[in-house]
Amino acid sequence: MALSAFDGVRVMPDPWKRRFVLFIKRFWQPTSACMTCMPGSLTNLLSAPHWALALQTGLFTGVLALILTFTPAMKMFGNRYGNALLVGLLTMIGDTFSHPGHYGIPHLEAVVTGVVSGVLALVGSFVFEDRARRVRALWARLRGRAVTSEGQPRP
C-alpha cells in the first residue's frame, strides 16, 4: 500500500487518518504553548485549573484545524511556514475564546500564546521531519558514532 507524506509524517493515504494526525498535532502544540505562556510560577504546572485552561485551548485549536481540513486551506498544512502561520492564528483564536487574558492588556496573552505555538510548530517541522533524522544524527554524534550523509548512523 502506498504511503504519502502529510505534514512531515508518513501516513496511509486515508483522509480520516490524516485528519486524526493533524488534530493530535494541533492539540499538543497550543496546549504546550498555553502552559508556557500562562503567567504564574512553576507551581502552576501542577495545578488542575492551569491544565484545564491549556487543554481547553488545545482542544479548541484542534477542532478549528480539523474544520479547516474540509476547506481548501488544508493545503497550507503541507507547507511548514503556512502550517506555522495557521497554527499560530488558530491558537490565538482558541486562546481568546477559551479564557480571559491574564496580562492586563486585552488579548495580549492570546497573541503571545499564538506566536509561541507557531514557533513550536515551525521548530517541530525542522526537528522531526523525515522520522526525526536530525535528532537521530545528533544522538549518533553525541555517542561518538559516525553519521552518513542521509543522517543514518554507520555501524
Protein backbone atom coordinates (compact mmCIF):
# COMPACT_ATOMS: atom_id res chain seq x y z
CA MET A 1 0.00 0.00 0.00
CA ALA A 2 1.45 3.37 -0.99
CA LEU A 3 2.42 5.85 1.68
CA SER A 4 2.25 9.60 1.25
CA ALA A 5 3.86 12.47 3.14
CA PHE A 6 1.47 14.69 5.03
CA ASP A 7 2.57 17.39 7.43
CA GLY A 8 6.04 15.87 7.76
CA VAL A 9 4.75 12.43 8.74
CA ARG A 10 4.44 9.39 6.52
CA VAL A 11 0.92 8.08 6.90
CA MET A 12 -1.55 5.96 4.96
CA PRO A 13 -3.47 7.93 2.32
CA ASP A 14 -6.72 7.61 4.30
CA PRO A 15 -8.04 11.20 4.74
CA TRP A 16 -9.53 10.46 8.18
CA LYS A 17 -6.24 9.13 9.44
CA ARG A 18 -4.51 12.27 8.17
CA ARG A 19 -7.12 14.40 9.90
CA PHE A 20 -6.60 12.50 13.14
CA VAL A 21 -2.81 13.02 12.99
CA LEU A 22 -3.36 16.69 12.22
CA PHE A 23 -5.78 17.05 15.14
CA ILE A 24 -3.33 15.46 17.58
CA LYS A 25 -0.51 17.74 16.43
CA ARG A 26 -2.70 20.82 16.59
CA PHE A 27 -3.80 19.76 20.06
CA TRP A 28 -0.37 19.39 21.71
CA GLN A 29 1.28 22.49 20.22
CA PRO A 30 -1.25 25.04 21.57
CA THR A 31 -1.52 23.14 24.86
CA SER A 32 2.25 23.35 25.31
CA ALA A 33 2.30 27.00 24.29
CA CYS A 34 -0.54 27.82 26.68
CA MET A 35 1.25 26.05 29.54
CA THR A 36 4.36 28.09 28.74
CA CYS A 37 2.74 31.50 28.36
CA MET A 38 0.21 31.49 31.17
CA PRO A 39 1.59 33.71 33.94
CA GLY A 40 2.49 32.34 37.33
CA SER A 41 5.18 30.31 38.94
CA LEU A 42 6.33 26.83 38.06
CA THR A 43 3.88 25.51 40.65
CA ASN A 44 1.15 26.29 38.11
CA LEU A 45 2.42 23.37 36.05
CA LEU A 46 0.94 21.09 38.67
CA SER A 47 -2.37 22.91 39.16
CA ALA A 48 -5.52 21.38 37.72
CA PRO A 49 -7.10 24.73 36.69
CA HIS A 50 -3.96 25.63 34.73
CA TRP A 51 -4.04 22.30 32.90
CA ALA A 52 -7.78 22.64 32.26
CA LEU A 53 -7.30 26.02 30.53
CA ALA A 54 -4.34 24.76 28.49
CA LEU A 55 -6.22 21.61 27.41
CA GLN A 56 -9.29 23.68 26.56
CA THR A 57 -7.17 25.95 24.34
CA GLY A 58 -5.56 22.93 22.67
CA LEU A 59 -8.91 21.23 22.12
CA PHE A 60 -10.48 24.35 20.64
CA THR A 61 -7.49 24.85 18.32
CA GLY A 62 -7.51 21.17 17.29
CA VAL A 63 -11.21 21.34 16.41
CA LEU A 64 -10.66 24.52 14.35
CA ALA A 65 -7.79 22.81 12.50
CA LEU A 66 -9.98 19.78 11.89
CA ILE A 67 -12.70 22.01 10.42
CA LEU A 68 -10.13 23.61 8.12
CA THR A 69 -9.27 20.19 6.66
CA PHE A 70 -12.61 20.30 4.84
CA THR A 71 -11.66 23.56 3.07
CA PRO A 72 -9.00 24.50 0.51
CA ALA A 73 -6.95 25.91 3.41
CA MET A 74 -5.87 22.32 4.14
CA LYS A 75 -3.12 22.78 1.55
CA MET A 76 -1.42 25.26 3.89
CA PHE A 77 -0.79 22.47 6.42
CA GLY A 78 1.53 20.82 3.88
CA ASN A 79 3.93 23.81 3.83
CA ARG A 80 5.91 24.25 7.05
CA TYR A 81 5.59 28.05 7.05
CA GLY A 82 1.90 28.02 6.14
CA ASN A 83 1.38 25.38 8.80
CA ALA A 84 3.13 27.50 11.44
CA LEU A 85 1.08 30.54 10.43
CA LEU A 86 -2.20 28.61 10.63
CA VAL A 87 -1.28 27.03 13.96
CA GLY A 88 -0.38 30.42 15.40
CA LEU A 89 -3.58 32.06 14.19
CA LEU A 90 -5.79 29.17 15.30
CA THR A 91 -4.11 29.18 18.71
CA MET A 92 -4.77 32.91 19.06
CA ILE A 93 -8.44 32.32 18.30
CA GLY A 94 -8.62 29.30 20.59
CA ASP A 95 -6.90 31.10 23.46
CA THR A 96 -9.12 34.17 23.07
CA PHE A 97 -12.28 32.10 23.35
CA SER A 98 -11.01 29.67 26.00
CA HIS A 99 -10.33 32.14 28.80
CA PRO A 100 -9.77 35.82 29.54
CA GLY A 101 -6.23 37.12 29.33
CA HIS A 102 -4.02 37.41 32.40
CA TYR A 103 -1.55 40.06 31.15
CA GLY A 104 -3.73 43.15 31.65
CA ILE A 105 -3.69 44.24 28.00
CA PRO A 106 -6.68 42.68 26.21
CA HIS A 107 -5.75 39.70 24.00
CA LEU A 108 -2.00 40.07 24.61
CA GLU A 109 -1.79 36.63 26.19
CA ALA A 110 -3.60 35.11 23.19
CA VAL A 111 -1.15 36.77 20.79
CA VAL A 112 1.90 35.62 22.77
CA THR A 113 0.50 32.09 23.04
CA GLY A 114 -0.23 32.04 19.30
CA VAL A 115 3.29 33.18 18.43
CA VAL A 116 4.86 30.56 20.73
CA SER A 117 2.61 27.87 19.26
CA GLY A 118 3.55 28.87 15.70
CA VAL A 119 7.25 28.80 16.61
CA LEU A 120 6.82 25.35 18.21
CA ALA A 121 5.15 24.12 15.02
CA LEU A 122 7.93 25.54 12.84
CA VAL A 123 10.75 24.19 15.01
CA GLY A 124 9.00 20.83 15.21
CA SER A 125 8.75 20.68 11.44
CA PHE A 126 12.52 21.08 11.13
CA VAL A 127 13.47 18.79 14.02
CA PHE A 128 11.04 15.92 13.48
CA GLU A 129 10.86 15.77 9.68
CA ASP A 130 11.97 12.59 7.96
CA ARG A 131 11.36 10.46 11.07
CA ALA A 132 13.48 12.78 13.26
CA ARG A 133 16.57 12.43 11.06
CA ARG A 134 18.26 15.44 12.68
CA VAL A 135 17.59 14.15 16.19
CA ARG A 136 18.98 10.72 15.32
CA ALA A 137 22.06 12.28 13.70
CA LEU A 138 22.69 14.45 16.78
CA TRP A 139 22.28 11.44 19.06
CA ALA A 140 24.74 9.46 16.95
CA ARG A 141 27.28 12.30 17.12
CA LEU A 142 26.88 12.57 20.88
CA ARG A 143 27.51 8.85 21.21
CA GLY A 144 30.62 9.19 19.03
CA ARG A 145 29.29 7.22 16.09
CA ALA A 146 29.87 8.34 12.51
CA VAL A 147 26.84 9.50 10.51
CA THR A 148 26.19 9.00 6.80
CA SER A 149 25.09 11.86 4.55
CA GLU A 150 21.49 10.67 4.93
CA GLY A 151 21.67 11.10 8.71
CA GLN A 152 21.84 7.35 9.41
CA PRO A 153 24.43 6.17 11.93
CA ARG A 154 27.16 3.96 10.49
CA PRO A 155 27.65 0.59 12.14
